């Protein structure tokens, strides 16, 4: 029973870090009135955390720290992204735009388990699913930096 408690505590630690990181990123983004670079840095943290996690196989402490960085970046992304959308769209269309983005985003969570299973089945290695996530994060960071203009947000 003690081992189960420890597993629960260890698995919760990265999520606790993600919770506090999400709040810190949001507060900083609001304070500096910048979404673009905060999104870029959060995506970079998630990418770096995943890369280090792949290297930490068999090292509990290192894996937990790497996963904490990953979760900080991943947890910060949705609030920052939706704040960015709200800043760029007019109030009349912001709700519809957010609803469309959320609907399309749900397609990813519906398709990704199947894609991850196929990658594992055909390659025999579960790491390729993480590589796919890494590629998607890198592409999203590149698209963000190209598509979003570098001005401060309109809110004050």
Foldseek 3Di string as FASTA:
>chain_A
DVVVVVVVVLVCLLVVLLVVLLVVLVVVCVVVLFLLVSLLVLLVQLLQLLVQLVVCVPPSVSNSVSSSSNSNSVSNNPVSVLVVLPLPDDPVCSVVVVVVVVVVVVVCVVCLVVVLVVVCVVVVDSCVSSVVVSVVSVVVSVCSVVPDDGDGGPDD
